[in-house]
Amino acid sequence: MALQLTTFNSADESAQALAEQVSEDLQRALGAASGGESGRALLLVSGGRSPLPFFAALSRQPLPWEHIDVSLVDERSVPPTHPDSNAALVREHLLQGPANAARLVPLMASVAAATDPWLWARRSAQVANANPALAQPAVIVLGLGTDGHTASLFPDSPQWPDASTTNRRYVALQPGQAPHARVSLSLKALSAQKRCYVWSGGADKLDVIMRARALAAAVEDGTVDAAALDGAGPFARLVADPDVMLQVFHSKY
């Protein structure tokens, strides 16, 4: 288990700290790519409304944005102008000011298949898996749900057993309780990243974090059988993975 939890008094404080850390990592990745001259670095972010303070803080970072690609950890099977589109939120709240020079790499395939959201999600996962621009993210920033899901890896999805074991990077899922078919990074794709940032806030999500850490610790010291992880949610599975470092930026309010 490798989980580093840093708690902040406000979302603005947490957003600024995470933005500075992500900026540092992107600068380092660009330097490693080709001497800091013409390489590119890929940033994957989560959608929803909760990361908007982080998006705003990151957009103000003094980065060579023209060398940065931005895409998504997960996306809803909706048109790019739909209010629930994660890409629309990224365009509106992250790719502003200096960050407008970044290149947005869409996660959804051509809207030609949009008449059937589930078909569109499956086709988009196939296209994303074949896209070399999405193959090697420098930085991944995850969200966290109160049900223990992260990305769009919902435990109530019929596709969760496959999404938790497949070697494919992107998978299509149909959540049971959440709206819209989804495209999401698989559990193994997240594990392969080795280090991921997590943005969270509030007492309910802190409870999810602490329960996942307690389960991982119990499995690690042998007081709980490792089989208990089979029924644990995606976030708990990542916390229990000894090869993954999760750095959680959590705001009390």
Protein backbone atom coordinates (compact mmCIF):
# COMPACT_ATOMS: atom_id res chain seq x y z
CA MET A 1 0.00 0.00 0.00
CA ALA A 2 1.25 3.47 -0.88
CA LEU A 3 -1.16 6.28 -0.16
CA GLN A 4 -0.11 9.81 0.70
CA LEU A 5 -2.93 11.96 2.07
CA THR A 6 -2.55 15.75 2.33
CA THR A 7 -5.46 17.68 3.81
CA PHE A 8 -6.26 21.34 3.17
CA ASN A 9 -8.73 23.69 4.81
CA SER A 10 -10.33 24.79 1.53
CA ALA A 11 -10.79 23.63 -2.05
CA ASP A 12 -8.88 26.69 -3.27
CA GLU A 13 -5.82 25.78 -1.19
CA SER A 14 -5.96 22.18 -2.35
CA ALA A 15 -6.45 23.24 -5.98
CA GLN A 16 -3.44 25.52 -5.92
CA ALA A 17 -1.18 22.91 -4.34
CA LEU A 18 -2.24 20.22 -6.81
CA ALA A 19 -1.88 22.60 -9.76
CA GLU A 20 1.68 23.44 -8.74
CA GLN A 21 2.56 19.75 -8.35
CA VAL A 22 1.04 18.80 -11.71
CA SER A 23 2.82 21.73 -13.35
CA GLU A 24 6.13 20.54 -11.94
CA ASP A 25 5.52 17.01 -13.22
CA LEU A 26 4.59 18.25 -16.69
CA GLN A 27 7.72 20.38 -16.85
CA ARG A 28 9.81 17.36 -15.87
CA ALA A 29 8.09 15.16 -18.47
CA LEU A 30 8.69 17.71 -21.22
CA GLY A 31 12.34 17.92 -20.30
CA ALA A 32 12.70 14.13 -20.39
CA ALA A 33 10.88 13.89 -23.73
CA SER A 34 13.46 15.75 -25.80
CA GLY A 35 15.60 18.15 -23.88
CA GLY A 36 12.71 20.48 -23.18
CA GLU A 37 12.65 21.69 -26.78
CA SER A 38 9.94 20.02 -28.83
CA GLY A 39 8.64 17.06 -26.84
CA ARG A 40 5.02 16.69 -25.75
CA ALA A 41 3.48 15.66 -22.46
CA LEU A 42 0.02 14.16 -21.95
CA LEU A 43 -2.18 15.17 -19.03
CA LEU A 44 -5.31 13.13 -18.25
CA VAL A 45 -7.92 14.70 -15.98
CA SER A 46 -11.26 13.63 -14.56
CA GLY A 47 -14.50 15.42 -15.31
CA GLY A 48 -17.52 16.39 -13.27
CA ARG A 49 -18.04 19.66 -11.43
CA SER A 50 -15.80 19.00 -8.41
CA PRO A 51 -12.41 19.57 -10.11
CA LEU A 52 -13.30 23.02 -11.47
CA PRO A 53 -11.20 24.88 -8.84
CA PHE A 54 -8.24 22.69 -9.82
CA PHE A 55 -8.82 23.40 -13.52
CA ALA A 56 -8.85 27.14 -12.86
CA ALA A 57 -5.65 26.98 -10.80
CA LEU A 58 -3.86 24.81 -13.35
CA SER A 59 -4.84 27.05 -16.27
CA ARG A 60 -2.86 29.88 -14.66
CA GLN A 61 0.36 27.89 -14.36
CA PRO A 62 3.26 29.24 -16.47
CA LEU A 63 3.73 26.15 -18.62
CA PRO A 64 4.74 25.73 -22.26
CA TRP A 65 1.15 24.81 -22.99
CA GLU A 66 1.75 24.55 -26.73
CA HIS A 67 3.65 21.32 -25.97
CA ILE A 68 0.98 19.81 -23.72
CA ASP A 69 -1.84 17.47 -24.72
CA VAL A 70 -4.90 17.28 -22.49
CA SER A 71 -7.39 14.43 -22.49
CA LEU A 72 -9.66 12.60 -20.09
CA VAL A 73 -9.53 9.72 -17.65
CA ASP A 74 -13.17 9.10 -18.50
CA GLU A 75 -15.96 10.54 -20.59
CA ARG A 76 -19.74 10.28 -20.86
CA SER A 77 -21.27 9.08 -24.13
CA VAL A 78 -22.81 12.45 -24.96
CA PRO A 79 -22.18 15.03 -27.70
CA PRO A 80 -19.32 17.49 -27.02
CA THR A 81 -21.79 20.33 -26.45
CA HIS A 82 -23.89 18.40 -23.90
CA PRO A 83 -23.93 19.84 -20.34
CA ASP A 84 -22.62 16.48 -19.02
CA SER A 85 -19.64 16.36 -21.40
CA ASN A 86 -16.35 16.23 -19.54
CA ALA A 87 -14.56 17.58 -22.61
CA ALA A 88 -16.84 20.62 -22.55
CA LEU A 89 -15.86 21.29 -18.93
CA VAL A 90 -12.18 20.99 -19.81
CA ARG A 91 -12.55 23.44 -22.69
CA GLU A 92 -14.53 25.92 -20.58
CA HIS A 93 -12.55 25.77 -17.33
CA LEU A 94 -9.04 24.43 -18.06
CA LEU A 95 -8.15 25.45 -21.62
CA GLN A 96 -8.41 29.14 -20.81
CA GLY A 97 -5.83 31.92 -20.67
CA PRO A 98 -2.31 30.55 -21.18
CA ALA A 99 -3.65 26.98 -21.21
CA ASN A 100 -5.64 27.73 -24.34
CA ALA A 101 -2.48 26.83 -26.28
CA ALA A 102 -2.72 23.19 -25.15
CA ARG A 103 -4.09 20.55 -27.54
CA LEU A 104 -7.27 18.76 -26.48
CA VAL A 105 -7.25 15.09 -27.52
CA PRO A 106 -10.89 13.91 -27.64
CA LEU A 107 -11.76 10.65 -25.96
CA MET A 108 -14.99 10.11 -27.86
CA ALA A 109 -14.97 8.98 -31.47
CA SER A 110 -16.77 10.80 -34.28
CA VAL A 111 -20.32 11.79 -33.37
CA ALA A 112 -21.57 9.68 -36.28
CA ALA A 113 -22.35 6.86 -33.82
CA ALA A 114 -23.95 9.16 -31.22
CA THR A 115 -27.48 7.94 -32.00
CA ASP A 116 -26.68 4.80 -29.95
CA PRO A 117 -24.79 5.88 -26.80
CA TRP A 118 -23.67 2.36 -25.86
CA LEU A 119 -22.41 1.61 -29.39
CA TRP A 120 -20.68 4.99 -29.38
CA ALA A 121 -18.99 4.27 -26.05
CA ARG A 122 -17.70 0.89 -27.25
CA ARG A 123 -16.47 2.35 -30.53
CA SER A 124 -14.78 5.23 -28.70
CA ALA A 125 -12.94 2.84 -26.38
CA GLN A 126 -11.62 0.97 -29.42
CA VAL A 127 -10.48 4.19 -31.08
CA ALA A 128 -8.85 5.44 -27.86
CA ASN A 129 -6.94 2.18 -27.45
CA ALA A 130 -5.55 2.56 -30.96
CA ASN A 131 -4.61 6.23 -30.54
CA PRO A 132 -0.86 6.61 -29.84
CA ALA A 133 -1.48 10.13 -28.50
CA LEU A 134 -3.28 8.55 -25.51
CA ALA A 135 -0.81 5.75 -24.84
CA GLN A 136 1.66 7.34 -22.42
CA PRO A 137 0.23 9.92 -20.01
CA ALA A 138 2.75 11.92 -18.03
CA VAL A 139 0.22 12.85 -15.32
CA ILE A 140 -3.15 11.41 -14.31
CA VAL A 141 -5.52 13.23 -11.97
CA LEU A 142 -8.39 11.11 -10.64
CA GLY A 143 -11.60 11.97 -8.86
CA LEU A 144 -13.33 9.91 -6.19
CA GLY A 145 -16.97 8.99 -5.66
CA THR A 146 -18.67 8.32 -2.35
CA ASP A 147 -19.36 4.77 -3.59
CA GLY A 148 -15.64 4.16 -4.01
CA HIS A 149 -15.55 4.54 -7.78
CA THR A 150 -12.80 6.42 -9.55
CA ALA A 151 -12.63 7.39 -13.22
CA SER A 152 -15.88 5.81 -14.50
CA LEU A 153 -15.09 2.43 -12.95
CA PHE A 154 -18.45 1.92 -11.24
CA PRO A 155 -18.69 -1.31 -9.21
CA ASP A 156 -22.40 -1.61 -10.13
CA SER A 157 -21.59 -1.69 -13.84
CA PRO A 158 -22.05 -5.08 -15.54
CA GLN A 159 -18.73 -4.43 -17.26
CA TRP A 160 -16.80 -3.89 -13.99
CA PRO A 161 -15.42 -7.48 -13.79
CA ASP A 162 -13.89 -7.06 -17.25
CA ALA A 163 -12.76 -3.48 -16.57
CA SER A 164 -10.96 -4.65 -13.43
CA THR A 165 -8.97 -7.41 -15.17
CA THR A 166 -8.51 -6.48 -18.85
CA ASN A 167 -5.19 -5.32 -20.23
CA ARG A 168 -6.97 -2.86 -22.53
CA ARG A 169 -6.32 0.74 -21.55
CA TYR A 170 -9.82 2.06 -22.20
CA VAL A 171 -13.10 0.24 -21.64
CA ALA A 172 -16.78 1.01 -22.13
CA LEU A 173 -19.13 0.77 -19.17
CA GLN A 174 -22.81 1.22 -18.35
CA PRO A 175 -23.15 2.33 -14.70
CA GLY A 176 -26.18 1.07 -12.84
CA GLN A 177 -26.99 4.22 -10.87
CA ALA A 178 -25.09 6.96 -12.75
CA PRO A 179 -26.41 8.36 -16.05
CA HIS A 180 -24.88 7.78 -19.49
CA ALA A 181 -22.73 5.06 -20.96
CA ARG A 182 -19.04 5.81 -20.34
CA VAL A 183 -15.53 5.37 -21.63
CA SER A 184 -12.92 4.98 -18.89
CA LEU A 185 -9.37 3.95 -18.21
CA SER A 186 -9.33 0.37 -16.95
CA LEU A 187 -8.06 -0.62 -13.52
CA LYS A 188 -4.86 -2.09 -14.98
CA ALA A 189 -4.23 1.09 -16.96
CA LEU A 190 -4.40 3.07 -13.72
CA SER A 191 -2.15 0.58 -11.94
CA ALA A 192 0.37 0.80 -14.78
CA GLN A 193 0.70 4.53 -14.20
CA LYS A 194 2.48 3.77 -10.89
CA ARG A 195 1.61 7.21 -9.49
CA CYS A 196 -1.72 9.01 -9.71
CA TYR A 197 -3.06 12.16 -8.11
CA VAL A 198 -6.50 12.13 -6.51
CA TRP A 199 -8.62 15.24 -5.99
CA SER A 200 -11.30 14.96 -3.29
CA GLY A 201 -13.19 17.01 -0.75
CA GLY A 202 -15.61 16.70 2.16
CA ALA A 203 -16.11 14.35 5.07
CA ASP A 204 -17.91 11.67 3.04
CA LYS A 205 -15.02 11.21 0.63
CA LEU A 206 -12.49 11.29 3.47
CA ASP A 207 -14.42 8.38 4.97
CA VAL A 208 -14.05 6.47 1.69
CA ILE A 209 -10.30 7.14 1.73
CA MET A 210 -9.86 6.02 5.34
CA ARG A 211 -11.91 2.84 4.87
CA ALA A 212 -9.90 1.93 1.76
CA ARG A 213 -6.65 2.55 3.61
CA ALA A 214 -7.79 0.44 6.57
CA LEU A 215 -8.75 -2.46 4.29
CA ALA A 216 -5.46 -2.28 2.42
CA ALA A 217 -3.52 -2.22 5.69
CA ALA A 218 -5.46 -5.23 7.01
CA VAL A 219 -4.74 -7.20 3.83
CA GLU A 220 -1.10 -6.17 3.96
CA ASP A 221 -0.57 -7.36 7.55
CA GLY A 222 -2.58 -10.55 7.04
CA THR A 223 -5.47 -9.83 9.41
CA VAL A 224 -7.86 -9.86 6.43
CA ASP A 225 -7.67 -12.30 3.55
CA ALA A 226 -6.64 -10.82 0.22
CA ALA A 227 -9.86 -12.22 -1.25
CA ALA A 228 -11.65 -9.34 0.48
CA LEU A 229 -10.27 -7.07 -2.22
CA ASP A 230 -12.31 -8.92 -4.84
CA GLY A 231 -15.43 -7.23 -3.53
CA ALA A 232 -13.79 -3.87 -2.89
CA GLY A 233 -14.36 -0.91 -5.15
CA PRO A 234 -11.88 0.45 -7.69
CA PHE A 235 -10.36 3.03 -5.35
CA ALA A 236 -9.74 0.46 -2.60
CA ARG A 237 -8.16 -1.88 -5.15
CA LEU A 238 -5.74 0.87 -6.19
CA VAL A 239 -4.91 1.73 -2.58
CA ALA A 240 -4.09 -1.91 -1.91
CA ASP A 241 -1.82 -2.21 -4.96
CA PRO A 242 1.76 -2.12 -3.60
CA ASP A 243 3.12 -0.84 -6.90
CA VAL A 244 0.88 2.24 -7.12
CA MET A 245 1.41 5.54 -5.32
CA LEU A 246 -1.78 7.53 -4.81
CA GLN A 247 -1.22 11.13 -3.75
CA VAL A 248 -4.51 12.47 -2.43
CA PHE A 249 -5.17 16.19 -2.23
CA HIS A 250 -8.18 16.47 0.06
CA SER A 251 -10.00 19.61 1.16
CA LYS A 252 -12.08 19.65 4.35
CA TYR A 253 -14.69 21.89 2.75
